[in-house]
Amino acid sequence: MARKFKVVLTWDNETQVYVVTVPALPGCGTQGKDRTEALERIQEAIAGYVETLKLIGQPVPQGDVEFAEVQVSVS
């Protein structure tokens, strides 16, 4: 069964890589030198995370996160 997970991509100016995290899977993250590499690596990380959950008898989280955008004034 295929599952989709929302991921967060952020550019790290200091290390010059994309950092990717999976909010629904705490601690699941990786990085890549470009978006494509980062997204390929996070797929591998998610697969490993889910496999580990199964091996230790833990459920795979069914919920995912919801993103919203808010606006604030910045002086």
PDB file of N, CA and C in Angstrom:
ATOM      1  N   MET A   1       0.847  -1.179   0.000  1.00  0.00           N
ATOM      2  CA  MET A   1       0.000   0.000   0.000  1.00  0.00           C
ATOM      3  C   MET A   1       0.891   1.241   0.000  1.00  0.00           C
ATOM      4  N   ALA A   2       0.621   2.148  -0.879  1.00  0.00           N
ATOM      5  CA  ALA A   2       1.383   3.396  -0.959  1.00  0.00           C
ATOM      6  C   ALA A   2       0.758   4.445  -0.048  1.00  0.00           C
ATOM      7  N   ARG A   3       1.598   5.190   0.631  1.00  0.00           N
ATOM      8  CA  ARG A   3       1.167   6.301   1.489  1.00  0.00           C
ATOM      9  C   ARG A   3       1.899   7.552   1.055  1.00  0.00           C
ATOM     10  N   LYS A   4       1.234   8.661   1.173  1.00  0.00           N
ATOM     11  CA  LYS A   4       1.865   9.946   0.896  1.00  0.00           C
ATOM     12  C   LYS A   4       2.093  10.659   2.221  1.00  0.00           C
ATOM     13  N   PHE A   5       3.246  11.285   2.348  1.00  0.00           N
ATOM     14  CA  PHE A   5       3.577  12.082   3.521  1.00  0.00           C
ATOM     15  C   PHE A   5       3.981  13.476   3.061  1.00  0.00           C
ATOM     16  N   LYS A   6       3.505  14.466   3.757  1.00  0.00           N
ATOM     17  CA  LYS A   6       3.945  15.831   3.478  1.00  0.00           C
ATOM     18  C   LYS A   6       5.351  15.992   4.044  1.00  0.00           C
ATOM     19  N   VAL A   7       6.194  16.676   3.284  1.00  0.00           N
ATOM     20  CA  VAL A   7       7.551  16.947   3.735  1.00  0.00           C
ATOM     21  C   VAL A   7       7.794  18.453   3.688  1.00  0.00           C
ATOM     22  N   VAL A   8       8.740  18.891   4.495  1.00  0.00           N
ATOM     23  CA  VAL A   8       9.115  20.303   4.526  1.00  0.00           C
ATOM     24  C   VAL A   8      10.544  20.416   4.011  1.00  0.00           C
ATOM     25  N   LEU A   9      10.702  21.205   2.970  1.00  0.00           N
ATOM     26  CA  LEU A   9      12.015  21.470   2.380  1.00  0.00           C
ATOM     27  C   LEU A   9      12.451  22.874   2.775  1.00  0.00           C
ATOM     28  N   THR A  10      13.639  22.997   3.324  1.00  0.00           N
ATOM     29  CA  THR A  10      14.190  24.316   3.625  1.00  0.00           C
ATOM     30  C   THR A  10      15.628  24.376   3.128  1.00  0.00           C
ATOM     31  N   TRP A  11      15.999  25.532   2.631  1.00  0.00           N
ATOM     32  CA  TRP A  11      17.367  25.730   2.167  1.00  0.00           C
ATOM     33  C   TRP A  11      18.203  26.229   3.331  1.00  0.00           C
ATOM     34  N   ASP A  12      19.336  25.598   3.571  1.00  0.00           N
ATOM     35  CA  ASP A  12      20.244  26.002   4.636  1.00  0.00           C
ATOM     36  C   ASP A  12      21.414  26.743   4.001  1.00  0.00           C
ATOM     37  N   ASN A  13      21.427  28.070   4.183  1.00  0.00           N
ATOM     38  CA  ASN A  13      22.493  28.883   3.591  1.00  0.00           C
ATOM     39  C   ASN A  13      23.867  28.534   4.123  1.00  0.00           C
ATOM     40  N   GLU A  14      23.940  28.140   5.372  1.00  0.00           N
ATOM     41  CA  GLU A  14      25.238  27.842   5.982  1.00  0.00           C
ATOM     42  C   GLU A  14      25.890  26.610   5.367  1.00  0.00           C
ATOM     43  N   THR A  15      25.116  25.538   5.233  1.00  0.00           N
ATOM     44  CA  THR A  15      25.679  24.290   4.707  1.00  0.00           C
ATOM     45  C   THR A  15      25.437  24.104   3.210  1.00  0.00           C
ATOM     46  N   GLN A  16      24.629  24.992   2.619  1.00  0.00           N
ATOM     47  CA  GLN A  16      24.335  24.950   1.187  1.00  0.00           C
ATOM     48  C   GLN A  16      23.674  23.642   0.756  1.00  0.00           C
ATOM     49  N   VAL A  17      22.691  23.195   1.549  1.00  0.00           N
ATOM     50  CA  VAL A  17      21.921  21.996   1.211  1.00  0.00           C
ATOM     51  C   VAL A  17      20.451  22.232   1.516  1.00  0.00           C
ATOM     52  N   TYR A  18      19.601  21.429   0.898  1.00  0.00           N
ATOM     53  CA  TYR A  18      18.191  21.389   1.261  1.00  0.00           C
ATOM     54  C   TYR A  18      18.041  20.419   2.422  1.00  0.00           C
ATOM     55  N   VAL A  19      17.375  20.847   3.458  1.00  0.00           N
ATOM     56  CA  VAL A  19      17.067  20.003   4.598  1.00  0.00           C
ATOM     57  C   VAL A  19      15.606  19.604   4.461  1.00  0.00           C
ATOM     58  N   VAL A  20      15.326  18.319   4.623  1.00  0.00           N
ATOM     59  CA  VAL A  20      13.960  17.810   4.466  1.00  0.00           C
ATOM     60  C   VAL A  20      13.547  17.092   5.736  1.00  0.00           C
ATOM     61  N   THR A  21      12.360  17.434   6.238  1.00  0.00           N
ATOM     62  CA  THR A  21      11.806  16.752   7.407  1.00  0.00           C
ATOM     63  C   THR A  21      10.393  16.282   7.085  1.00  0.00           C
ATOM     64  N   VAL A  22       9.930  15.326   7.899  1.00  0.00           N
ATOM     65  CA  VAL A  22       8.590  14.761   7.733  1.00  0.00           C
ATOM     66  C   VAL A  22       7.849  15.000   9.051  1.00  0.00           C
ATOM     67  N   PRO A  23       7.016  16.036   9.122  1.00  0.00           N
ATOM     68  CA  PRO A  23       6.353  16.352  10.387  1.00  0.00           C
ATOM     69  C   PRO A  23       5.564  15.197  10.999  1.00  0.00           C
ATOM     70  N   ALA A  24       4.979  14.338  10.193  1.00  0.00           N
ATOM     71  CA  ALA A  24       4.183  13.225  10.705  1.00  0.00           C
ATOM     72  C   ALA A  24       5.049  12.104  11.282  1.00  0.00           C
ATOM     73  N   LEU A  25       6.358  12.133  10.984  1.00  0.00           N
ATOM     74  CA  LEU A  25       7.276  11.093  11.446  1.00  0.00           C
ATOM     75  C   LEU A  25       8.418  11.774  12.213  1.00  0.00           C
ATOM     76  N   PRO A  26       8.223  12.015  13.493  1.00  0.00           N
ATOM     77  CA  PRO A  26       9.231  12.745  14.274  1.00  0.00           C
ATOM     78  C   PRO A  26      10.618  12.125  14.158  1.00  0.00           C
ATOM     79  N   GLY A  27      11.600  12.984  13.882  1.00  0.00           N
ATOM     80  CA  GLY A  27      12.975  12.528  13.758  1.00  0.00           C
ATOM     81  C   GLY A  27      13.363  12.052  12.375  1.00  0.00           C
ATOM     82  N   CYS A  28      12.408  11.972  11.472  1.00  0.00           N
ATOM     83  CA  CYS A  28      12.692  11.515  10.114  1.00  0.00           C
ATOM     84  C   CYS A  28      13.099  12.714   9.265  1.00  0.00           C
ATOM     85  N   GLY A  29      14.334  12.712   8.813  1.00  0.00           N
ATOM     86  CA  GLY A  29      14.808  13.821   8.008  1.00  0.00           C
ATOM     87  C   GLY A  29      16.095  13.464   7.301  1.00  0.00           C
ATOM     88  N   THR A  30      16.467  14.294   6.346  1.00  0.00           N
ATOM     89  CA  THR A  30      17.699  14.106   5.593  1.00  0.00           C
ATOM     90  C   THR A  30      18.029  15.414   4.903  1.00  0.00           C
ATOM     91  N   GLN A  31      18.981  15.366   3.993  1.00  0.00           N
ATOM     92  CA  GLN A  31      19.358  16.566   3.246  1.00  0.00           C
ATOM     93  C   GLN A  31      19.877  16.169   1.882  1.00  0.00           C
ATOM     94  N   GLY A  32      19.973  17.154   0.993  1.00  0.00           N
ATOM     95  CA  GLY A  32      20.522  16.913  -0.338  1.00  0.00           C
ATOM     96  C   GLY A  32      21.036  18.201  -0.937  1.00  0.00           C
ATOM     97  N   LYS A  33      21.947  18.079  -1.889  1.00  0.00           N
ATOM     98  CA  LYS A  33      22.559  19.264  -2.490  1.00  0.00           C
ATOM     99  C   LYS A  33      21.599  20.032  -3.395  1.00  0.00           C
ATOM    100  N   ASP A  34      20.533  19.354  -3.848  1.00  0.00           N
ATOM    101  CA  ASP A  34      19.483  20.022  -4.615  1.00  0.00           C
ATOM    102  C   ASP A  34      18.142  19.378  -4.259  1.00  0.00           C
ATOM    103  N   ARG A  35      17.056  19.960  -4.762  1.00  0.00           N
ATOM    104  CA  ARG A  35      15.715  19.465  -4.419  1.00  0.00           C
ATOM    105  C   ARG A  35      15.536  18.001  -4.808  1.00  0.00           C
ATOM    106  N   THR A  36      15.991  17.650  -5.986  1.00  0.00           N
ATOM    107  CA  THR A  36      15.813  16.286  -6.467  1.00  0.00           C
ATOM    108  C   THR A  36      16.503  15.287  -5.547  1.00  0.00           C
ATOM    109  N   GLU A  37      17.764  15.559  -5.206  1.00  0.00           N
ATOM    110  CA  GLU A  37      18.486  14.665  -4.322  1.00  0.00           C
ATOM    111  C   GLU A  37      17.830  14.597  -2.946  1.00  0.00           C
ATOM    112  N   ALA A  38      17.420  15.737  -2.430  1.00  0.00           N
ATOM    113  CA  ALA A  38      16.784  15.772  -1.111  1.00  0.00           C
ATOM    114  C   ALA A  38      15.491  14.956  -1.105  1.00  0.00           C
ATOM    115  N   LEU A  39      14.689  15.077  -2.147  1.00  0.00           N
ATOM    116  CA  LEU A  39      13.426  14.337  -2.212  1.00  0.00           C
ATOM    117  C   LEU A  39      13.657  12.835  -2.398  1.00  0.00           C
ATOM    118  N   GLU A  40      14.672  12.460  -3.170  1.00  0.00           N
ATOM    119  CA  GLU A  40      15.001  11.040  -3.312  1.00  0.00           C
ATOM    120  C   GLU A  40      15.442  10.457  -1.974  1.00  0.00           C
ATOM    121  N   ARG A  41      16.269  11.208  -1.256  1.00  0.00           N
ATOM    122  CA  ARG A  41      16.760  10.723   0.031  1.00  0.00           C
ATOM    123  C   ARG A  41      15.657  10.629   1.079  1.00  0.00           C
ATOM    124  N   ILE A  42      14.702  11.565   1.039  1.00  0.00           N
ATOM    125  CA  ILE A  42      13.639  11.497   2.049  1.00  0.00           C
ATOM    126  C   ILE A  42      12.719  10.316   1.770  1.00  0.00           C
ATOM    127  N   GLN A  43      12.559   9.942   0.521  1.00  0.00           N
ATOM    128  CA  GLN A  43      11.773   8.738   0.218  1.00  0.00           C
ATOM    129  C   GLN A  43      12.432   7.518   0.852  1.00  0.00           C
ATOM    130  N   GLU A  44      13.755   7.437   0.736  1.00  0.00           N
ATOM    131  CA  GLU A  44      14.486   6.328   1.352  1.00  0.00           C
ATOM    132  C   GLU A  44      14.367   6.380   2.874  1.00  0.00           C
ATOM    133  N   ALA A  45      14.467   7.577   3.437  1.00  0.00           N
ATOM    134  CA  ALA A  45      14.378   7.727   4.893  1.00  0.00           C
ATOM    135  C   ALA A  45      12.989   7.336   5.405  1.00  0.00           C
ATOM    136  N   ILE A  46      11.953   7.735   4.686  1.00  0.00           N
ATOM    137  CA  ILE A  46      10.585   7.384   5.084  1.00  0.00           C
ATOM    138  C   ILE A  46      10.398   5.867   5.023  1.00  0.00           C
ATOM    139  N   ALA A  47      10.864   5.256   3.946  1.00  0.00           N
ATOM    140  CA  ALA A  47      10.732   3.797   3.815  1.00  0.00           C
ATOM    141  C   ALA A  47      11.428   3.088   4.968  1.00  0.00           C
ATOM    142  N   GLY A  48      12.613   3.540   5.320  1.00  0.00           N
ATOM    143  CA  GLY A  48      13.338   2.940   6.442  1.00  0.00           C
ATOM    144  C   GLY A  48      12.641   3.162   7.770  1.00  0.00           C
ATOM    145  N   TYR A  49      12.104   4.349   7.964  1.00  0.00           N
ATOM    146  CA  TYR A  49      11.387   4.690   9.194  1.00  0.00           C
ATOM    147  C   TYR A  49      10.163   3.789   9.358  1.00  0.00           C
ATOM    148  N   VAL A  50       9.387   3.666   8.282  1.00  0.00           N
ATOM    149  CA  VAL A  50       8.171   2.845   8.322  1.00  0.00           C
ATOM    150  C   VAL A  50       8.520   1.380   8.550  1.00  0.00           C
ATOM    151  N   GLU A  51       9.558   0.893   7.891  1.00  0.00           N
ATOM    152  CA  GLU A  51       9.984  -0.497   8.072  1.00  0.00           C
ATOM    153  C   GLU A  51      10.400  -0.750   9.520  1.00  0.00           C
ATOM    154  N   THR A  52      11.106   0.209  10.104  1.00  0.00           N
ATOM    155  CA  THR A  52      11.519   0.082  11.502  1.00  0.00           C
ATOM    156  C   THR A  52      10.309   0.037  12.425  1.00  0.00           C
ATOM    157  N   LEU A  53       9.329   0.895  12.169  1.00  0.00           N
ATOM    158  CA  LEU A  53       8.102   0.855  12.982  1.00  0.00           C
ATOM    159  C   LEU A  53       7.459  -0.525  12.931  1.00  0.00           C
ATOM    160  N   LYS A  54       7.382  -1.094  11.743  1.00  0.00           N
ATOM    161  CA  LYS A  54       6.787  -2.421  11.591  1.00  0.00           C
ATOM    162  C   LYS A  54       7.599  -3.481  12.345  1.00  0.00           C
ATOM    163  N   LEU A  55       8.914  -3.404  12.245  1.00  0.00           N
ATOM    164  CA  LEU A  55       9.779  -4.386  12.908  1.00  0.00           C
ATOM    165  C   LEU A  55       9.642  -4.359  14.429  1.00  0.00           C
ATOM    166  N   ILE A  56       9.432  -3.179  14.988  1.00  0.00           N
ATOM    167  CA  ILE A  56       9.321  -3.076  16.448  1.00  0.00           C
ATOM    168  C   ILE A  56       7.868  -3.116  16.920  1.00  0.00           C
ATOM    169  N   GLY A  57       6.958  -3.385  15.980  1.00  0.00           N
ATOM    170  CA  GLY A  57       5.561  -3.564  16.344  1.00  0.00           C
ATOM    171  C   GLY A  57       4.793  -2.288  16.630  1.00  0.00           C
ATOM    172  N   GLN A  58       5.285  -1.179  16.115  1.00  0.00           N
ATOM    173  CA  GLN A  58       4.594   0.094  16.305  1.00  0.00           C
ATOM    174  C   GLN A  58       3.750   0.409  15.070  1.00  0.00           C
ATOM    175  N   PRO A  59       2.618   1.086  15.252  1.00  0.00           N
ATOM    176  CA  PRO A  59       1.789   1.431  14.102  1.00  0.00           C
ATOM    177  C   PRO A  59       2.399   2.567  13.283  1.00  0.00           C
ATOM    178  N   VAL A  60       2.126   2.542  12.011  1.00  0.00           N
ATOM    179  CA  VAL A  60       2.525   3.651  11.140  1.00  0.00           C
ATOM    180  C   VAL A  60       1.502   4.761  11.357  1.00  0.00           C
ATOM    181  N   PRO A  61       1.952   5.978  11.663  1.00  0.00           N
ATOM    182  CA  PRO A  61       0.993   7.063  11.894  1.00  0.00           C
ATOM    183  C   PRO A  61       0.035   7.224  10.723  1.00  0.00           C
ATOM    184  N   GLN A  62      -1.241   7.291  11.024  1.00  0.00           N
ATOM    185  CA  GLN A  62      -2.253   7.441   9.981  1.00  0.00           C
ATOM    186  C   GLN A  62      -2.527   8.898   9.636  1.00  0.00           C
ATOM    187  N   GLY A  63      -2.370   9.767  10.629  1.00  0.00           N
ATOM    188  CA  GLY A  63      -2.620  11.179  10.386  1.00  0.00           C
ATOM    189  C   GLY A  63      -1.425  11.844   9.740  1.00  0.00           C
ATOM    190  N   ASP A  64      -1.676  12.932   9.116  1.00  0.00           N
ATOM    191  CA  ASP A  64      -0.607  13.736   8.557  1.00  0.00           C
ATOM    192  C   ASP A  64      -0.816  15.147   9.068  1.00  0.00           C
ATOM    193  N   VAL A  65      -0.020  16.059   8.628  1.00  0.00           N
ATOM    194  CA  VAL A  65      -0.114  17.429   9.100  1.00  0.00           C
ATOM    195  C   VAL A  65      -0.899  18.274   8.113  1.00  0.00           C
ATOM    196  N   GLU A  66      -1.380  19.367   8.602  1.00  0.00           N
ATOM    197  CA  GLU A  66      -2.063  20.340   7.747  1.00  0.00           C
ATOM    198  C   GLU A  66      -1.263  21.628   7.818  1.00  0.00           C
ATOM    199  N   PHE A  67      -1.043  22.227   6.675  1.00  0.00           N
ATOM    200  CA  PHE A  67      -0.320  23.485   6.630  1.00  0.00           C
ATOM    201  C   PHE A  67      -1.295  24.625   6.386  1.00  0.00           C
ATOM    202  N   ALA A  68      -1.044  25.738   7.034  1.00  0.00           N
ATOM    203  CA  ALA A  68      -1.821  26.942   6.820  1.00  0.00           C
ATOM    204  C   ALA A  68      -0.841  28.103   6.688  1.00  0.00           C
ATOM    205  N   GLU A  69      -1.288  29.126   6.035  1.00  0.00           N
ATOM    206  CA  GLU A  69      -0.462  30.309   5.856  1.00  0.00           C
ATOM    207  C   GLU A  69      -1.102  31.457   6.607  1.00  0.00           C
ATOM    208  N   VAL A  70      -0.299  32.187   7.346  1.00  0.00           N
ATOM    209  CA  VAL A  70      -0.797  33.362   8.077  1.00  0.00           C
ATOM    210  C   VAL A  70       0.037  34.564   7.695  1.00  0.00           C
ATOM    211  N   GLN A  71      -0.539  35.719   7.876  1.00  0.00           N
ATOM    212  CA  GLN A  71       0.150  36.959   7.510  1.00  0.00           C
ATOM    213  C   GLN A  71       0.309  37.805   8.768  1.00  0.00           C
ATOM    214  N   VAL A  72       1.486  38.371   8.941  1.00  0.00           N
ATOM    215  CA  VAL A  72       1.745  39.289  10.051  1.00  0.00           C
ATOM    216  C   VAL A  72       2.440  40.521   9.503  1.00  0.00           C
ATOM    217  N   SER A  73       2.296  41.628  10.201  1.00  0.00           N
ATOM    218  CA  SER A  73       2.993  42.850   9.819  1.00  0.00           C
ATOM    219  C   SER A  73       4.402  42.816  10.386  1.00  0.00           C
ATOM    220  N   VAL A  74       5.348  43.175   9.535  1.00  0.00           N
ATOM    221  CA  VAL A  74       6.739  43.230   9.951  1.00  0.00           C
ATOM    222  C   VAL A  74       7.228  44.652   9.680  1.00  0.00           C
ATOM    223  N   SER A  75       7.695  45.303  10.723  1.00  0.00           N
ATOM    224  CA  SER A  75       8.145  46.695  10.582  1.00  0.00           C
ATOM    225  C   SER A  75       9.540  46.774  10.030  1.00  0.00           C
TER     226      SER A  75
END
